[in-house]
């Protein structure tokens, strides 16, 4: 019975650590870009896009497909970086 009590205490401590880490990750951000910085995105540890900046030169009305591709690329890169950051922090 004593071992079960210790296991439960350890599980509770681990759960508290994970909860604190998740709260910390909400405040951490990563930045990603596409098109040589024409489109920049900031993503937090909850994988939420916090900001998106598009340079005027990328907003060509004649080529909206390129802008769409740059936005998608920047957002996907931001999410990938946020996942890496989260994995790195969780492995500590």
C-alpha atoms as a PDB file:
ATOM      1  CA  UNK A   1       0.000   0.000   0.000  1.00  0.00           C
ATOM      2  CA  UNK A   2       2.886   2.350   0.748  1.00  0.00           C
ATOM      3  CA  UNK A   3       4.189   2.010  -2.845  1.00  0.00           C
ATOM      4  CA  UNK A   4       0.791   2.933  -4.286  1.00  0.00           C
ATOM      5  CA  UNK A   5       0.770   6.086  -2.175  1.00  0.00           C
ATOM      6  CA  UNK A   6       4.226   7.050  -3.463  1.00  0.00           C
ATOM      7  CA  UNK A   7       3.211   6.362  -7.051  1.00  0.00           C
ATOM      8  CA  UNK A   8       0.121   8.553  -6.626  1.00  0.00           C
ATOM      9  CA  UNK A   9       2.225  11.391  -5.149  1.00  0.00           C
ATOM     10  CA  UNK A  10       4.709  11.139  -8.019  1.00  0.00           C
ATOM     11  CA  UNK A  11       1.881  11.119 -10.563  1.00  0.00           C
ATOM     12  CA  UNK A  12       0.366  14.223  -8.981  1.00  0.00           C
ATOM     13  CA  UNK A  13       3.736  16.023  -9.015  1.00  0.00           C
ATOM     14  CA  UNK A  14       4.236  15.085 -12.672  1.00  0.00           C
ATOM     15  CA  UNK A  15       0.756  16.332 -13.542  1.00  0.00           C
ATOM     16  CA  UNK A  16       1.481  19.646 -11.778  1.00  0.00           C
ATOM     17  CA  UNK A  17       4.779  19.998 -13.670  1.00  0.00           C
ATOM     18  CA  UNK A  18       3.069  19.345 -17.002  1.00  0.00           C
ATOM     19  CA  UNK A  19       0.359  21.879 -16.178  1.00  0.00           C
ATOM     20  CA  UNK A  20       2.977  24.534 -15.295  1.00  0.00           C
ATOM     21  CA  UNK A  21       4.912  23.760 -18.468  1.00  0.00           C
ATOM     22  CA  UNK A  22       1.784  24.108 -20.602  1.00  0.00           C
ATOM     23  CA  UNK A  23       1.110  27.518 -19.040  1.00  0.00           C
ATOM     24  CA  UNK A  24       4.706  28.577 -19.706  1.00  0.00           C
ATOM     25  CA  UNK A  25       4.497  27.415 -23.326  1.00  0.00           C
ATOM     26  CA  UNK A  26       1.453  29.630 -23.871  1.00  0.00           C
ATOM     27  CA  UNK A  27       3.710  32.642 -23.319  1.00  0.00           C
ATOM     28  CA  UNK A  28       6.610  31.429 -25.486  1.00  0.00           C
ATOM     29  CA  UNK A  29       6.624  32.219 -29.183  1.00  0.00           C
ATOM     30  CA  UNK A  30       8.465  31.332 -32.360  1.00  0.00           C
ATOM     31  CA  UNK A  31       8.710  33.312 -35.576  1.00  0.00           C
ATOM     32  CA  UNK A  32       8.753  31.865 -39.065  1.00  0.00           C
ATOM     33  CA  UNK A  33       8.910  33.403 -42.496  1.00  0.00           C
ATOM     34  CA  UNK A  34       8.452  32.601 -46.146  1.00  0.00           C
ATOM     35  CA  UNK A  35       9.472  34.284 -49.355  1.00  0.00           C
ATOM     36  CA  UNK A  36      12.657  35.720 -47.901  1.00  0.00           C
ATOM     37  CA  UNK A  37      10.739  37.491 -45.134  1.00  0.00           C
ATOM     38  CA  UNK A  38       7.893  38.702 -47.340  1.00  0.00           C
ATOM     39  CA  UNK A  39       5.480  36.890 -45.016  1.00  0.00           C
ATOM     40  CA  UNK A  40       6.226  36.516 -41.303  1.00  0.00           C
ATOM     41  CA  UNK A  41       4.207  34.732 -38.655  1.00  0.00           C
ATOM     42  CA  UNK A  42       4.467  34.411 -34.858  1.00  0.00           C
ATOM     43  CA  UNK A  43       3.063  31.256 -33.235  1.00  0.00           C
ATOM     44  CA  UNK A  44       2.820  30.450 -29.520  1.00  0.00           C
ATOM     45  CA  UNK A  45       3.278  27.166 -27.686  1.00  0.00           C
ATOM     46  CA  UNK A  46      -0.435  26.420 -28.030  1.00  0.00           C
ATOM     47  CA  UNK A  47       0.024  26.498 -31.827  1.00  0.00           C
ATOM     48  CA  UNK A  48      -2.007  29.698 -32.146  1.00  0.00           C
ATOM     49  CA  UNK A  49      -1.021  32.268 -34.761  1.00  0.00           C
ATOM     50  CA  UNK A  50      -0.473  35.505 -32.839  1.00  0.00           C
ATOM     51  CA  UNK A  51       0.569  37.737 -35.697  1.00  0.00           C
ATOM     52  CA  UNK A  52       0.940  37.704 -39.443  1.00  0.00           C
ATOM     53  CA  UNK A  53       2.854  40.376 -41.384  1.00  0.00           C
ATOM     54  CA  UNK A  54       2.810  40.661 -45.141  1.00  0.00           C
ATOM     55  CA  UNK A  55       5.149  43.041 -46.940  1.00  0.00           C
ATOM     56  CA  UNK A  56       3.486  45.257 -49.541  1.00  0.00           C
ATOM     57  CA  UNK A  57       5.565  43.745 -52.313  1.00  0.00           C
ATOM     58  CA  UNK A  58       3.986  40.332 -51.666  1.00  0.00           C
ATOM     59  CA  UNK A  59       0.458  41.673 -52.089  1.00  0.00           C
ATOM     60  CA  UNK A  60       0.340  41.611 -55.882  1.00  0.00           C
ATOM     61  CA  UNK A  61      -3.321  41.557 -57.003  1.00  0.00           C
ATOM     62  CA  UNK A  62      -2.196  39.854 -60.220  1.00  0.00           C
ATOM     63  CA  UNK A  63      -0.716  36.901 -58.321  1.00  0.00           C
ATOM     64  CA  UNK A  64      -2.830  36.110 -55.279  1.00  0.00           C
ATOM     65  CA  UNK A  65      -1.886  32.426 -55.509  1.00  0.00           C
ATOM     66  CA  UNK A  66       1.739  33.259 -54.680  1.00  0.00           C
ATOM     67  CA  UNK A  67       0.638  35.226 -51.603  1.00  0.00           C
ATOM     68  CA  UNK A  68      -1.606  32.363 -50.498  1.00  0.00           C
ATOM     69  CA  UNK A  69       1.287  29.924 -50.877  1.00  0.00           C
ATOM     70  CA  UNK A  70       3.606  32.198 -48.867  1.00  0.00           C
ATOM     71  CA  UNK A  71       1.064  32.539 -46.045  1.00  0.00           C
ATOM     72  CA  UNK A  72       0.523  28.780 -45.930  1.00  0.00           C
ATOM     73  CA  UNK A  73       4.279  28.140 -45.944  1.00  0.00           C
ATOM     74  CA  UNK A  74       4.928  30.657 -43.152  1.00  0.00           C
ATOM     75  CA  UNK A  75       2.086  29.349 -40.969  1.00  0.00           C
ATOM     76  CA  UNK A  76       3.144  25.724 -41.454  1.00  0.00           C
ATOM     77  CA  UNK A  77       6.758  26.603 -40.628  1.00  0.00           C
ATOM     78  CA  UNK A  78       5.592  28.479 -37.528  1.00  0.00           C
ATOM     79  CA  UNK A  79       3.556  25.505 -36.346  1.00  0.00           C
ATOM     80  CA  UNK A  80       6.504  23.163 -37.002  1.00  0.00           C
ATOM     81  CA  UNK A  81       8.816  25.410 -34.967  1.00  0.00           C
ATOM     82  CA  UNK A  82       6.261  25.644 -32.147  1.00  0.00           C
ATOM     83  CA  UNK A  83       5.996  21.838 -32.107  1.00  0.00           C
ATOM     84  CA  UNK A  84       9.783  21.556 -31.903  1.00  0.00           C
ATOM     85  CA  UNK A  85       9.865  24.089 -29.074  1.00  0.00           C
ATOM     86  CA  UNK A  86       7.139  22.200 -27.205  1.00  0.00           C
ATOM     87  CA  UNK A  87       8.867  18.842 -27.668  1.00  0.00           C
ATOM     88  CA  UNK A  88      12.163  20.301 -26.508  1.00  0.00           C
ATOM     89  CA  UNK A  89      10.609  21.827 -23.386  1.00  0.00           C
ATOM     90  CA  UNK A  90       8.653  18.665 -22.557  1.00  0.00           C
ATOM     91  CA  UNK A  91      11.751  16.471 -22.856  1.00  0.00           C
ATOM     92  CA  UNK A  92      13.504  18.542 -20.180  1.00  0.00           C
END
